[in-house]
Every structure is written in structure tokens, then in C-alpha cells.
């Protein structure tokens, strides 16, 4: 718990006193944003499957990238599970989100001068 206390205090920029039984406080808007992101992503995936795409297909590169990222996320989850390194896991997930955002928008920037 001492490592977690130091990690939290480094993360928030100050001293945080948590006992073993206390939970890390989470703002309601953080939870709402996460739920919102999951619901909209599920809706987008649903639309991908129900609407006809004509000759368009998902590329092998995109499929491979998705499988690689999900595999990496699963491995990180199982690494964090025994040691309860949840802040580390959240940091990894945030890094994945930034990387995927770059992958998503860089082609748009390149193609639209």
C-alpha cells in the first residue's frame, strides 16, 4: 500500500493519505464520460455490421492493429491484476487511447491539405 500511496501522491501532485480500506475517489463526470465513450463505440460497431458497405472491407492492417492493441491491453490487465497496479493500468490504457487517436486522425490530416 505504501507504493500505491506514493504513486497516487506523485500522480495528483500532493500528499494523499489513504488507508488500506479506502477507495480512490473518482469524479462522476469521469464515470459518465467513460460510459458515454463505451456506448458510442458500441453503437458505431453495431452500425458497421448492419449497414451494407458495398465493396469496402476492413483492411488486414486495421484488423491486425486492433488484435494487437486488444492483446496488449489484455496482457497489461493480467500483469496488473495480481499486484493491483490500477494506476499503472489506467496510464497504459490512456497511452493506448492517445496512440489510437493519432492513428485515426493522422491520415485525415495528411489527405486534407
PDB file of N, CA and C in Angstrom:
ATOM      1  N   UNK A   1       0.820  -1.196   0.000  1.00  0.00           N
ATOM      2  CA  UNK A   1       0.000   0.000   0.000  1.00  0.00           C
ATOM      3  C   UNK A   1       0.856   1.250   0.000  1.00  0.00           C
ATOM      4  N   UNK A   2       2.057   1.176   0.574  1.00  0.00           N
ATOM      5  CA  UNK A   2       2.934   2.346   0.608  1.00  0.00           C
ATOM      6  C   UNK A   2       3.325   2.773  -0.794  1.00  0.00           C
ATOM      7  N   UNK A   3       3.574   1.779  -1.681  1.00  0.00           N
ATOM      8  CA  UNK A   3       3.921   2.110  -3.063  1.00  0.00           C
ATOM      9  C   UNK A   3       2.752   2.795  -3.753  1.00  0.00           C
ATOM     10  N   UNK A   4       1.546   2.303  -3.503  1.00  0.00           N
ATOM     11  CA  UNK A   4       0.364   2.905  -4.109  1.00  0.00           C
ATOM     12  C   UNK A   4       0.181   4.321  -3.596  1.00  0.00           C
ATOM     13  N   UNK A   5       0.413   4.547  -2.305  1.00  0.00           N
ATOM     14  CA  UNK A   5       0.262   5.881  -1.721  1.00  0.00           C
ATOM     15  C   UNK A   5       1.247   6.847  -2.379  1.00  0.00           C
ATOM     16  N   UNK A   6       2.501   6.419  -2.579  1.00  0.00           N
ATOM     17  CA  UNK A   6       3.496   7.270  -3.227  1.00  0.00           C
ATOM     18  C   UNK A   6       3.106   7.513  -4.683  1.00  0.00           C
ATOM     19  N   UNK A   7       2.654   6.460  -5.363  1.00  0.00           N
ATOM     20  CA  UNK A   7       2.257   6.583  -6.757  1.00  0.00           C
ATOM     21  C   UNK A   7       1.088   7.558  -6.901  1.00  0.00           C
ATOM     22  N   UNK A   8       0.117   7.489  -6.004  1.00  0.00           N
ATOM     23  CA  UNK A   8      -1.032   8.395  -6.048  1.00  0.00           C
ATOM     24  C   UNK A   8      -0.588   9.815  -5.762  1.00  0.00           C
ATOM     25  N   UNK A   9       0.248  10.000  -4.739  1.00  0.00           N
ATOM     26  CA  UNK A   9       0.677  11.354  -4.406  1.00  0.00           C
ATOM     27  C   UNK A   9       1.508  11.951  -5.525  1.00  0.00           C
ATOM     28  N   UNK A  10       2.330  11.148  -6.197  1.00  0.00           N
ATOM     29  CA  UNK A  10       3.079  11.644  -7.357  1.00  0.00           C
ATOM     30  C   UNK A  10       2.127  12.002  -8.488  1.00  0.00           C
ATOM     31  N   UNK A  11       1.092  11.201  -8.659  1.00  0.00           N
ATOM     32  CA  UNK A  11       0.150  11.390  -9.761  1.00  0.00           C
ATOM     33  C   UNK A  11      -0.692  12.656  -9.587  1.00  0.00           C
ATOM     34  N   UNK A  12      -1.142  12.927  -8.391  1.00  0.00           N
ATOM     35  CA  UNK A  12      -2.003  14.085  -8.159  1.00  0.00           C
ATOM     36  C   UNK A  12      -1.238  15.321  -7.723  1.00  0.00           C
ATOM     37  N   UNK A  13       0.076  15.182  -7.501  1.00  0.00           N
ATOM     38  CA  UNK A  13       0.894  16.334  -7.166  1.00  0.00           C
ATOM     39  C   UNK A  13       0.811  16.773  -5.718  1.00  0.00           C
ATOM     40  N   UNK A  14       0.489  15.895  -4.828  1.00  0.00           N
ATOM     41  CA  UNK A  14       0.413  16.248  -3.413  1.00  0.00           C
ATOM     42  C   UNK A  14       0.324  15.006  -2.560  1.00  0.00           C
ATOM     43  N   UNK A  15       0.306  15.195  -1.273  1.00  0.00           N
ATOM     44  CA  UNK A  15       0.227  14.062  -0.362  1.00  0.00           C
ATOM     45  C   UNK A  15      -1.221  13.605  -0.236  1.00  0.00           C
ATOM     46  N   UNK A  16      -1.419  12.327  -0.367  1.00  0.00           N
ATOM     47  CA  UNK A  16      -2.740  11.726  -0.231  1.00  0.00           C
ATOM     48  C   UNK A  16      -2.638  10.675   0.853  1.00  0.00           C
ATOM     49  N   UNK A  17      -3.514  10.740   1.824  1.00  0.00           N
ATOM     50  CA  UNK A  17      -3.486   9.740   2.888  1.00  0.00           C
ATOM     51  C   UNK A  17      -4.657   8.792   2.711  1.00  0.00           C
ATOM     52  N   UNK A  18      -4.342   7.571   2.334  1.00  0.00           N
ATOM     53  CA  UNK A  18      -5.355   6.546   2.161  1.00  0.00           C
ATOM     54  C   UNK A  18      -4.996   5.365   3.043  1.00  0.00           C
ATOM     55  N   UNK A  19      -5.985   4.817   3.686  1.00  0.00           N
ATOM     56  CA  UNK A  19      -5.751   3.589   4.427  1.00  0.00           C
ATOM     57  C   UNK A  19      -6.057   2.428   3.496  1.00  0.00           C
ATOM     58  N   UNK A  20      -5.788   1.229   3.949  1.00  0.00           N
ATOM     59  CA  UNK A  20      -5.996   0.054   3.109  1.00  0.00           C
ATOM     60  C   UNK A  20      -7.457  -0.134   2.711  1.00  0.00           C
ATOM     61  N   UNK A  21      -8.387   0.381   3.488  1.00  0.00           N
ATOM     62  CA  UNK A  21      -9.798   0.151   3.209  1.00  0.00           C
ATOM     63  C   UNK A  21     -10.434   1.269   2.386  1.00  0.00           C
ATOM     64  N   UNK A  22      -9.737   2.368   2.161  1.00  0.00           N
ATOM     65  CA  UNK A  22     -10.319   3.487   1.428  1.00  0.00           C
ATOM     66  C   UNK A  22     -10.149   3.302  -0.072  1.00  0.00           C
ATOM     67  N   UNK A  23     -11.135   3.775  -0.813  1.00  0.00           N
ATOM     68  CA  UNK A  23     -11.096   3.730  -2.269  1.00  0.00           C
ATOM     69  C   UNK A  23     -10.567   5.058  -2.805  1.00  0.00           C
ATOM     70  N   UNK A  24      -9.987   5.021  -3.977  1.00  0.00           N
ATOM     71  CA  UNK A  24      -9.535   6.239  -4.621  1.00  0.00           C
ATOM     72  C   UNK A  24     -10.768   6.964  -5.148  1.00  0.00           C
ATOM     73  N   UNK A  25     -10.945   8.248  -4.805  1.00  0.00           N
ATOM     74  CA  UNK A  25     -12.147   8.961  -5.252  1.00  0.00           C
ATOM     75  C   UNK A  25     -12.138   9.175  -6.764  1.00  0.00           C
ATOM     76  N   UNK A  26     -13.298   8.995  -7.368  1.00  0.00           N
ATOM     77  CA  UNK A  26     -13.463   9.186  -8.810  1.00  0.00           C
ATOM     78  C   UNK A  26     -14.627  10.146  -9.011  1.00  0.00           C
ATOM     79  N   UNK A  27     -14.414  11.140  -9.850  1.00  0.00           N
ATOM     80  CA  UNK A  27     -15.465  12.125 -10.114  1.00  0.00           C
ATOM     81  C   UNK A  27     -16.561  11.492 -10.982  1.00  0.00           C
ATOM     82  N   UNK A  28     -17.779  11.921 -10.770  1.00  0.00           N
ATOM     83  CA  UNK A  28     -18.920  11.389 -11.515  1.00  0.00           C
ATOM     84  C   UNK A  28     -18.793  11.671 -13.008  1.00  0.00           C
ATOM     85  N   UNK A  29     -18.218  12.829 -13.376  1.00  0.00           N
ATOM     86  CA  UNK A  29     -18.102  13.138 -14.796  1.00  0.00           C
ATOM     87  C   UNK A  29     -17.104  12.200 -15.487  1.00  0.00           C
ATOM     88  N   UNK A  30     -16.097  11.686 -14.765  1.00  0.00           N
ATOM     89  CA  UNK A  30     -15.177  10.712 -15.346  1.00  0.00           C
ATOM     90  C   UNK A  30     -15.900   9.415 -15.676  1.00  0.00           C
ATOM     91  N   UNK A  31     -16.751   8.982 -14.766  1.00  0.00           N
ATOM     92  CA  UNK A  31     -17.523   7.759 -14.997  1.00  0.00           C
ATOM     93  C   UNK A  31     -18.508   7.970 -16.144  1.00  0.00           C
ATOM     94  N   UNK A  32     -19.175   9.108 -16.159  1.00  0.00           N
ATOM     95  CA  UNK A  32     -20.137   9.398 -17.230  1.00  0.00           C
ATOM     96  C   UNK A  32     -19.438   9.450 -18.581  1.00  0.00           C
ATOM     97  N   UNK A  33     -18.252  10.066 -18.646  1.00  0.00           N
ATOM     98  CA  UNK A  33     -17.518  10.139 -19.906  1.00  0.00           C
ATOM     99  C   UNK A  33     -17.127   8.748 -20.389  1.00  0.00           C
ATOM    100  N   UNK A  34     -16.694   7.892 -19.479  1.00  0.00           N
ATOM    101  CA  UNK A  34     -16.306   6.531 -19.853  1.00  0.00           C
ATOM    102  C   UNK A  34     -17.499   5.741 -20.382  1.00  0.00           C
ATOM    103  N   UNK A  35     -18.621   5.849 -19.694  1.00  0.00           N
ATOM    104  CA  UNK A  35     -19.831   5.149 -20.143  1.00  0.00           C
ATOM    105  C   UNK A  35     -20.267   5.686 -21.497  1.00  0.00           C
ATOM    106  N   UNK A  36     -20.217   6.994 -21.666  1.00  0.00           N
ATOM    107  CA  UNK A  36     -20.570   7.631 -22.933  1.00  0.00           C
ATOM    108  C   UNK A  36     -19.685   7.101 -24.067  1.00  0.00           C
ATOM    109  N   UNK A  37     -18.377   6.993 -23.828  1.00  0.00           N
ATOM    110  CA  UNK A  37     -17.447   6.513 -24.854  1.00  0.00           C
ATOM    111  C   UNK A  37     -17.731   5.060 -25.221  1.00  0.00           C
ATOM    112  N   UNK A  38     -18.001   4.228 -24.228  1.00  0.00           N
ATOM    113  CA  UNK A  38     -18.281   2.821 -24.497  1.00  0.00           C
ATOM    114  C   UNK A  38     -19.579   2.664 -25.283  1.00  0.00           C
ATOM    115  N   UNK A  39     -20.620   3.398 -24.896  1.00  0.00           N
ATOM    116  CA  UNK A  39     -21.910   3.294 -25.582  1.00  0.00           C
ATOM    117  C   UNK A  39     -21.788   3.756 -27.035  1.00  0.00           C
ATOM    118  N   UNK A  40     -21.124   4.882 -27.268  1.00  0.00           N
ATOM    119  CA  UNK A  40     -20.995   5.379 -28.644  1.00  0.00           C
ATOM    120  C   UNK A  40     -20.109   4.477 -29.499  1.00  0.00           C
ATOM    121  N   UNK A  41     -19.079   3.904 -28.909  1.00  0.00           N
ATOM    122  CA  UNK A  41     -18.244   2.961 -29.657  1.00  0.00           C
ATOM    123  C   UNK A  41     -19.043   1.711 -30.009  1.00  0.00           C
ATOM    124  N   UNK A  42     -19.844   1.212 -29.072  1.00  0.00           N
ATOM    125  CA  UNK A  42     -20.682   0.047 -29.352  1.00  0.00           C
ATOM    126  C   UNK A  42     -21.699   0.357 -30.448  1.00  0.00           C
ATOM    127  N   UNK A  43     -22.265   1.562 -30.412  1.00  0.00           N
ATOM    128  CA  UNK A  43     -23.215   1.970 -31.450  1.00  0.00           C
ATOM    129  C   UNK A  43     -22.537   2.036 -32.822  1.00  0.00           C
ATOM    130  N   UNK A  44     -21.342   2.568 -32.867  1.00  0.00           N
ATOM    131  CA  UNK A  44     -20.599   2.640 -34.126  1.00  0.00           C
ATOM    132  C   UNK A  44     -20.293   1.242 -34.658  1.00  0.00           C
ATOM    133  N   UNK A  45     -19.848   0.352 -33.784  1.00  0.00           N
ATOM    134  CA  UNK A  45     -19.576  -1.025 -34.219  1.00  0.00           C
ATOM    135  C   UNK A  45     -20.842  -1.715 -34.705  1.00  0.00           C
ATOM    136  N   UNK A  46     -21.955  -1.483 -34.029  1.00  0.00           N
ATOM    137  CA  UNK A  46     -23.229  -2.047 -34.454  1.00  0.00           C
ATOM    138  C   UNK A  46     -23.582  -1.567 -35.862  1.00  0.00           C
ATOM    139  N   UNK A  47     -23.387  -0.268 -36.120  1.00  0.00           N
ATOM    140  CA  UNK A  47     -23.684   0.285 -37.435  1.00  0.00           C
ATOM    141  C   UNK A  47     -22.763  -0.286 -38.511  1.00  0.00           C
ATOM    142  N   UNK A  48     -21.531  -0.559 -38.162  1.00  0.00           N
ATOM    143  CA  UNK A  48     -20.604  -1.161 -39.123  1.00  0.00           C
ATOM    144  C   UNK A  48     -21.134  -2.508 -39.588  1.00  0.00           C
ATOM    145  N   UNK A  49     -21.703  -3.266 -38.666  1.00  0.00           N
ATOM    146  CA  UNK A  49     -22.169  -4.602 -39.011  1.00  0.00           C
ATOM    147  C   UNK A  49     -23.523  -4.612 -39.713  1.00  0.00           C
ATOM    148  N   UNK A  50     -24.405  -3.646 -39.455  1.00  0.00           N
ATOM    149  CA  UNK A  50     -25.749  -3.736 -40.033  1.00  0.00           C
ATOM    150  C   UNK A  50     -25.876  -3.049 -41.388  1.00  0.00           C
ATOM    151  N   UNK A  51     -25.039  -2.034 -41.668  1.00  0.00           N
ATOM    152  CA  UNK A  51     -25.175  -1.327 -42.938  1.00  0.00           C
ATOM    153  C   UNK A  51     -24.301  -1.945 -44.001  1.00  0.00           C
ATOM    154  N   UNK A  52     -24.825  -1.963 -45.213  1.00  0.00           N
ATOM    155  CA  UNK A  52     -24.089  -2.523 -46.333  1.00  0.00           C
ATOM    156  C   UNK A  52     -22.920  -1.611 -46.691  1.00  0.00           C
ATOM    157  N   UNK A  53     -21.767  -2.213 -46.921  1.00  0.00           N
ATOM    158  CA  UNK A  53     -20.565  -1.446 -47.220  1.00  0.00           C
ATOM    159  C   UNK A  53     -20.162  -1.537 -48.679  1.00  0.00           C
ATOM    160  N   UNK A  54     -20.885  -2.298 -49.455  1.00  0.00           N
ATOM    161  CA  UNK A  54     -20.517  -2.461 -50.850  1.00  0.00           C
ATOM    162  C   UNK A  54     -19.191  -3.203 -50.948  1.00  0.00           C
ATOM    163  N   UNK A  55     -18.304  -2.732 -51.820  1.00  0.00           N
ATOM    164  CA  UNK A  55     -17.024  -3.438 -51.984  1.00  0.00           C
ATOM    165  C   UNK A  55     -15.991  -3.104 -50.892  1.00  0.00           C
ATOM    166  N   UNK A  56     -16.311  -2.183 -49.999  1.00  0.00           N
ATOM    167  CA  UNK A  56     -15.348  -1.806 -48.964  1.00  0.00           C
ATOM    168  C   UNK A  56     -15.189  -2.921 -47.929  1.00  0.00           C
ATOM    169  N   UNK A  57     -13.941  -3.125 -47.517  1.00  0.00           N
ATOM    170  CA  UNK A  57     -13.657  -4.119 -46.478  1.00  0.00           C
ATOM    171  C   UNK A  57     -12.679  -3.508 -45.480  1.00  0.00           C
ATOM    172  N   UNK A  58     -12.671  -4.051 -44.293  1.00  0.00           N
ATOM    173  CA  UNK A  58     -11.698  -3.636 -43.293  1.00  0.00           C
ATOM    174  C   UNK A  58     -10.349  -4.224 -43.709  1.00  0.00           C
ATOM    175  N   UNK A  59      -9.313  -3.391 -43.746  1.00  0.00           N
ATOM    176  CA  UNK A  59      -8.002  -3.845 -44.205  1.00  0.00           C
ATOM    177  C   UNK A  59      -7.376  -4.813 -43.218  1.00  0.00           C
ATOM    178  N   UNK A  60      -6.440  -5.602 -43.716  1.00  0.00           N
ATOM    179  CA  UNK A  60      -5.715  -6.527 -42.844  1.00  0.00           C
ATOM    180  C   UNK A  60      -4.890  -5.753 -41.814  1.00  0.00           C
ATOM    181  N   UNK A  61      -4.354  -4.610 -42.224  1.00  0.00           N
ATOM    182  CA  UNK A  61      -3.575  -3.782 -41.307  1.00  0.00           C
ATOM    183  C   UNK A  61      -4.439  -3.334 -40.126  1.00  0.00           C
ATOM    184  N   UNK A  62      -5.649  -2.848 -40.426  1.00  0.00           N
ATOM    185  CA  UNK A  62      -6.541  -2.383 -39.365  1.00  0.00           C
ATOM    186  C   UNK A  62      -6.947  -3.530 -38.449  1.00  0.00           C
ATOM    187  N   UNK A  63      -7.261  -4.676 -39.032  1.00  0.00           N
ATOM    188  CA  UNK A  63      -7.634  -5.839 -38.233  1.00  0.00           C
ATOM    189  C   UNK A  63      -6.468  -6.274 -37.352  1.00  0.00           C
ATOM    190  N   UNK A  64      -5.282  -6.314 -37.927  1.00  0.00           N
ATOM    191  CA  UNK A  64      -4.095  -6.699 -37.159  1.00  0.00           C
ATOM    192  C   UNK A  64      -3.806  -5.722 -36.034  1.00  0.00           C
ATOM    193  N   UNK A  65      -3.973  -4.421 -36.314  1.00  0.00           N
ATOM    194  CA  UNK A  65      -3.735  -3.401 -35.298  1.00  0.00           C
ATOM    195  C   UNK A  65      -4.714  -3.545 -34.136  1.00  0.00           C
ATOM    196  N   UNK A  66      -5.967  -3.782 -34.448  1.00  0.00           N
ATOM    197  CA  UNK A  66      -6.981  -3.954 -33.396  1.00  0.00           C
ATOM    198  C   UNK A  66      -6.678  -5.191 -32.547  1.00  0.00           C
ATOM    199  N   UNK A  67      -6.325  -6.281 -33.192  1.00  0.00           N
ATOM    200  CA  UNK A  67      -5.989  -7.514 -32.455  1.00  0.00           C
ATOM    201  C   UNK A  67      -4.751  -7.279 -31.586  1.00  0.00           C
ATOM    202  N   UNK A  68      -3.745  -6.594 -32.132  1.00  0.00           N
ATOM    203  CA  UNK A  68      -2.523  -6.308 -31.375  1.00  0.00           C
ATOM    204  C   UNK A  68      -2.808  -5.442 -30.147  1.00  0.00           C
ATOM    205  N   UNK A  69      -3.605  -4.399 -30.326  1.00  0.00           N
ATOM    206  CA  UNK A  69      -3.906  -3.494 -29.213  1.00  0.00           C
ATOM    207  C   UNK A  69      -4.735  -4.204 -28.145  1.00  0.00           C
ATOM    208  N   UNK A  70      -5.755  -4.956 -28.552  1.00  0.00           N
ATOM    209  CA  UNK A  70      -6.556  -5.690 -27.563  1.00  0.00           C
ATOM    210  C   UNK A  70      -5.710  -6.729 -26.837  1.00  0.00           C
ATOM    211  N   UNK A  71      -4.815  -7.397 -27.555  1.00  0.00           N
ATOM    212  CA  UNK A  71      -3.921  -8.364 -26.920  1.00  0.00           C
ATOM    213  C   UNK A  71      -3.003  -7.700 -25.904  1.00  0.00           C
ATOM    214  N   UNK A  72      -2.433  -6.551 -26.278  1.00  0.00           N
ATOM    215  CA  UNK A  72      -1.570  -5.800 -25.379  1.00  0.00           C
ATOM    216  C   UNK A  72      -2.337  -5.351 -24.141  1.00  0.00           C
ATOM    217  N   UNK A  73      -3.558  -4.866 -24.338  1.00  0.00           N
ATOM    218  CA  UNK A  73      -4.388  -4.425 -23.205  1.00  0.00           C
ATOM    219  C   UNK A  73      -4.710  -5.599 -22.279  1.00  0.00           C
ATOM    220  N   UNK A  74      -5.001  -6.761 -22.843  1.00  0.00           N
ATOM    221  CA  UNK A  74      -5.309  -7.934 -22.022  1.00  0.00           C
ATOM    222  C   UNK A  74      -4.085  -8.381 -21.227  1.00  0.00           C
ATOM    223  N   UNK A  75      -2.918  -8.375 -21.868  1.00  0.00           N
ATOM    224  CA  UNK A  75      -1.683  -8.750 -21.172  1.00  0.00           C
ATOM    225  C   UNK A  75      -1.414  -7.784 -20.019  1.00  0.00           C
ATOM    226  N   UNK A  76      -1.567  -6.499 -20.282  1.00  0.00           N
ATOM    227  CA  UNK A  76      -1.350  -5.498 -19.229  1.00  0.00           C
ATOM    228  C   UNK A  76      -2.340  -5.675 -18.090  1.00  0.00           C
ATOM    229  N   UNK A  77      -3.586  -6.005 -18.410  1.00  0.00           N
ATOM    230  CA  UNK A  77      -4.585  -6.242 -17.366  1.00  0.00           C
ATOM    231  C   UNK A  77      -4.165  -7.396 -16.471  1.00  0.00           C
ATOM    232  N   UNK A  78      -3.712  -8.492 -17.088  1.00  0.00           N
ATOM    233  CA  UNK A  78      -3.337  -9.653 -16.287  1.00  0.00           C
ATOM    234  C   UNK A  78      -2.026  -9.433 -15.535  1.00  0.00           C
ATOM    235  N   UNK A  79      -1.182  -8.522 -15.998  1.00  0.00           N
ATOM    236  CA  UNK A  79       0.017  -8.152 -15.241  1.00  0.00           C
ATOM    237  C   UNK A  79      -0.390  -7.320 -14.016  1.00  0.00           C
ATOM    238  N   UNK A  80      -1.345  -6.407 -14.198  1.00  0.00           N
ATOM    239  CA  UNK A  80      -1.773  -5.522 -13.108  1.00  0.00           C
ATOM    240  C   UNK A  80      -2.653  -6.233 -12.090  1.00  0.00           C
ATOM    241  N   UNK A  81      -3.314  -7.291 -12.476  1.00  0.00           N
ATOM    242  CA  UNK A  81      -4.278  -7.961 -11.605  1.00  0.00           C
ATOM    243  C   UNK A  81      -3.677  -8.471 -10.292  1.00  0.00           C
ATOM    244  N   UNK A  82      -2.595  -9.242 -10.303  1.00  0.00           N
ATOM    245  CA  UNK A  82      -2.094  -9.758  -9.020  1.00  0.00           C
ATOM    246  C   UNK A  82      -1.511  -8.676  -8.107  1.00  0.00           C
ATOM    247  N   UNK A  83      -0.923  -7.634  -8.690  1.00  0.00           N
ATOM    248  CA  UNK A  83      -0.277  -6.605  -7.862  1.00  0.00           C
ATOM    249  C   UNK A  83      -1.183  -5.400  -7.608  1.00  0.00           C
ATOM    250  N   UNK A  84      -2.381  -5.405  -8.171  1.00  0.00           N
ATOM    251  CA  UNK A  84      -3.343  -4.306  -8.011  1.00  0.00           C
ATOM    252  C   UNK A  84      -2.746  -2.969  -8.453  1.00  0.00           C
ATOM    253  N   UNK A  85      -2.030  -2.973  -9.562  1.00  0.00           N
ATOM    254  CA  UNK A  85      -1.403  -1.755 -10.097  1.00  0.00           C
ATOM    255  C   UNK A  85      -2.389  -1.029 -11.014  1.00  0.00           C
ATOM    256  N   UNK A  86      -3.478  -0.564 -10.444  1.00  0.00           N
ATOM    257  CA  UNK A  86      -4.551   0.003 -11.255  1.00  0.00           C
ATOM    258  C   UNK A  86      -4.161   1.338 -11.881  1.00  0.00           C
ATOM    259  N   UNK A  87      -3.404   2.154 -11.168  1.00  0.00           N
ATOM    260  CA  UNK A  87      -2.976   3.430 -11.757  1.00  0.00           C
ATOM    261  C   UNK A  87      -2.060   3.201 -12.944  1.00  0.00           C
ATOM    262  N   UNK A  88      -1.186   2.213 -12.841  1.00  0.00           N
ATOM    263  CA  UNK A  88      -0.323   1.862 -13.970  1.00  0.00           C
ATOM    264  C   UNK A  88      -1.174   1.401 -15.155  1.00  0.00           C
ATOM    265  N   UNK A  89      -2.179   0.587 -14.880  1.00  0.00           N
ATOM    266  CA  UNK A  89      -3.048   0.075 -15.940  1.00  0.00           C
ATOM    267  C   UNK A  89      -3.816   1.211 -16.611  1.00  0.00           C
ATOM    268  N   UNK A  90      -4.319   2.138 -15.829  1.00  0.00           N
ATOM    269  CA  UNK A  90      -5.033   3.283 -16.394  1.00  0.00           C
ATOM    270  C   UNK A  90      -4.094   4.120 -17.256  1.00  0.00           C
ATOM    271  N   UNK A  91      -2.848   4.273 -16.812  1.00  0.00           N
ATOM    272  CA  UNK A  91      -1.861   5.003 -17.608  1.00  0.00           C
ATOM    273  C   UNK A  91      -1.607   4.300 -18.939  1.00  0.00           C
ATOM    274  N   UNK A  92      -1.508   2.982 -18.914  1.00  0.00           N
ATOM    275  CA  UNK A  92      -1.325   2.214 -20.153  1.00  0.00           C
ATOM    276  C   UNK A  92      -2.529   2.407 -21.070  1.00  0.00           C
ATOM    277  N   UNK A  93      -3.737   2.308 -20.517  1.00  0.00           N
ATOM    278  CA  UNK A  93      -4.945   2.492 -21.328  1.00  0.00           C
ATOM    279  C   UNK A  93      -5.012   3.902 -21.912  1.00  0.00           C
ATOM    280  N   UNK A  94      -4.597   4.906 -21.141  1.00  0.00           N
ATOM    281  CA  UNK A  94      -4.570   6.269 -21.675  1.00  0.00           C
ATOM    282  C   UNK A  94      -3.577   6.391 -22.821  1.00  0.00           C
ATOM    283  N   UNK A  95      -2.429   5.733 -22.694  1.00  0.00           N
ATOM    284  CA  UNK A  95      -1.434   5.753 -23.770  1.00  0.00           C
ATOM    285  C   UNK A  95      -1.975   5.077 -25.027  1.00  0.00           C
ATOM    286  N   UNK A  96      -2.689   3.977 -24.839  1.00  0.00           N
ATOM    287  CA  UNK A  96      -3.320   3.299 -25.975  1.00  0.00           C
ATOM    288  C   UNK A  96      -4.330   4.233 -26.644  1.00  0.00           C
ATOM    289  N   UNK A  97      -5.107   4.957 -25.835  1.00  0.00           N
ATOM    290  CA  UNK A  97      -6.103   5.871 -26.379  1.00  0.00           C
ATOM    291  C   UNK A  97      -5.442   6.975 -27.203  1.00  0.00           C
ATOM    292  N   UNK A  98      -4.342   7.540 -26.713  1.00  0.00           N
ATOM    293  CA  UNK A  98      -3.640   8.589 -27.452  1.00  0.00           C
ATOM    294  C   UNK A  98      -3.086   8.029 -28.764  1.00  0.00           C
ATOM    295  N   UNK A  99      -2.474   6.850 -28.704  1.00  0.00           N
ATOM    296  CA  UNK A  99      -1.915   6.240 -29.911  1.00  0.00           C
ATOM    297  C   UNK A  99      -3.004   5.956 -30.945  1.00  0.00           C
ATOM    298  N   UNK A 100      -4.138   5.426 -30.496  1.00  0.00           N
ATOM    299  CA  UNK A 100      -5.223   5.117 -31.436  1.00  0.00           C
ATOM    300  C   UNK A 100      -5.833   6.390 -32.013  1.00  0.00           C
ATOM    301  N   UNK A 101      -5.889   7.450 -31.237  1.00  0.00           N
ATOM    302  CA  UNK A 101      -6.378   8.732 -31.748  1.00  0.00           C
ATOM    303  C   UNK A 101      -5.455   9.251 -32.835  1.00  0.00           C
ATOM    304  N   UNK A 102      -4.156   9.120 -32.627  1.00  0.00           N
ATOM    305  CA  UNK A 102      -3.189   9.545 -33.662  1.00  0.00           C
ATOM    306  C   UNK A 102      -3.352   8.710 -34.918  1.00  0.00           C
ATOM    307  N   UNK A 103      -3.488   7.394 -34.758  1.00  0.00           N
ATOM    308  CA  UNK A 103      -3.676   6.515 -35.918  1.00  0.00           C
ATOM    309  C   UNK A 103      -4.944   6.889 -36.666  1.00  0.00           C
ATOM    310  N   UNK A 104      -5.950   7.295 -35.935  1.00  0.00           N
ATOM    311  CA  UNK A 104      -7.246   7.634 -36.533  1.00  0.00           C
ATOM    312  C   UNK A 104      -7.205   8.954 -37.297  1.00  0.00           C
ATOM    313  N   UNK A 105      -6.511   9.966 -36.761  1.00  0.00           N
ATOM    314  CA  UNK A 105      -6.588  11.310 -37.349  1.00  0.00           C
ATOM    315  C   UNK A 105      -5.417  11.691 -38.242  1.00  0.00           C
ATOM    316  N   UNK A 106      -4.278  11.029 -38.144  1.00  0.00           N
ATOM    317  CA  UNK A 106      -3.144  11.396 -38.999  1.00  0.00           C
ATOM    318  C   UNK A 106      -3.458  11.226 -40.481  1.00  0.00           C
ATOM    319  N   UNK A 107      -4.111  10.144 -40.924  1.00  0.00           N
ATOM    320  CA  UNK A 107      -4.458  10.068 -42.350  1.00  0.00           C
ATOM    321  C   UNK A 107      -5.383  11.206 -42.800  1.00  0.00           C
ATOM    322  N   UNK A 108      -6.268  11.647 -41.929  1.00  0.00           N
ATOM    323  CA  UNK A 108      -7.159  12.754 -42.259  1.00  0.00           C
ATOM    324  C   UNK A 108      -6.360  14.034 -42.445  1.00  0.00           C
ATOM    325  N   UNK A 109      -5.395  14.270 -41.600  1.00  0.00           N
ATOM    326  CA  UNK A 109      -4.556  15.464 -41.705  1.00  0.00           C
ATOM    327  C   UNK A 109      -3.711  15.400 -42.961  1.00  0.00           C
ATOM    328  N   UNK A 110      -3.194  14.242 -43.269  1.00  0.00           N
ATOM    329  CA  UNK A 110      -2.351  14.059 -44.448  1.00  0.00           C
ATOM    330  C   UNK A 110      -3.150  14.263 -45.746  1.00  0.00           C
ATOM    331  N   UNK A 111      -4.377  13.776 -45.786  1.00  0.00           N
ATOM    332  CA  UNK A 111      -5.175  13.816 -47.011  1.00  0.00           C
ATOM    333  C   UNK A 111      -5.936  15.121 -47.219  1.00  0.00           C
ATOM    334  N   UNK A 112      -6.084  15.923 -46.186  1.00  0.00           N
ATOM    335  CA  UNK A 112      -6.798  17.205 -46.294  1.00  0.00           C
ATOM    336  C   UNK A 112      -5.820  18.349 -46.086  1.00  0.00           C
ATOM    337  N   UNK A 113      -5.267  18.882 -47.179  1.00  0.00           N
ATOM    338  CA  UNK A 113      -4.267  19.957 -47.023  1.00  0.00           C
ATOM    339  C   UNK A 113      -4.858  21.247 -46.527  1.00  0.00           C
TER     340      UNK A 113
END
